[in-house]
Amino acid sequence: MVHSPIKHCRNCGTAVVYRIPEDGDIKIRAVCPECKTIHYENPLNVVGTVPHLGDKVLLCKRNIEPRKGKWTLPAGFMELHETTAQGAARETVEEAGAQFEMEGLFSILNVARVGQVHLFYTARLLSEQFNPGFETMEAGLFTEADIPWDEIAFRTVKETLEHYFSDRRAGQLSIHTIDIV
């Protein structure tokens, strides 16, 4: 992700300057010299699910960039006015058209180099019928042995899947916090 610096104050439109604010902060921030507003730049949240049925998980083949044609878990950017679980559920409906029951938080992946935090929930599928949206070429169920591991779109998805199947073999799901460097 390329950083696009803030150029103008969101409150008054004046060109901002990058400097350490006078409020005791220690980081360089975009500061408005006119109205003194400090503009903070925060990471984006990516939310999704690990939809499962028996020993299989649901994967979606991407129909959009980045990584068009690669396999992923249903996930996308969290939107305003929704919780992380609501966003994960929305993305699962949009990308897979799946019927499911949300379960618990499973993985938190910090991807600091691109300013993102990825959160995946487990979701128990209620049906093997899927109705993928335009972002998905196809959706299907895969056992661990059948997953096209070399065709997984994102490292966060691969790590989440590896932890999911490892936990299943151990007989208990845990919450995983992972730093992607």
Foldseek 3Di string as FASTA:
>chain_A
DDDDADQADPPPGAGWDWDAQPPPRDHTFTAHPPPGDTDDDAFWEKAAEQEDEVQKTKWFQFCDDDLHRFIFGQIGTDDPPDDSQRRHVVSCCAAWVFAWAWDAWAEWEAEPVRRYIYTYTYIYTPDQDTDGHNRTPDMHIDHPVRDPLVRHRDPVRSVSVVLVNVCVVVPHGDHYYYYDD
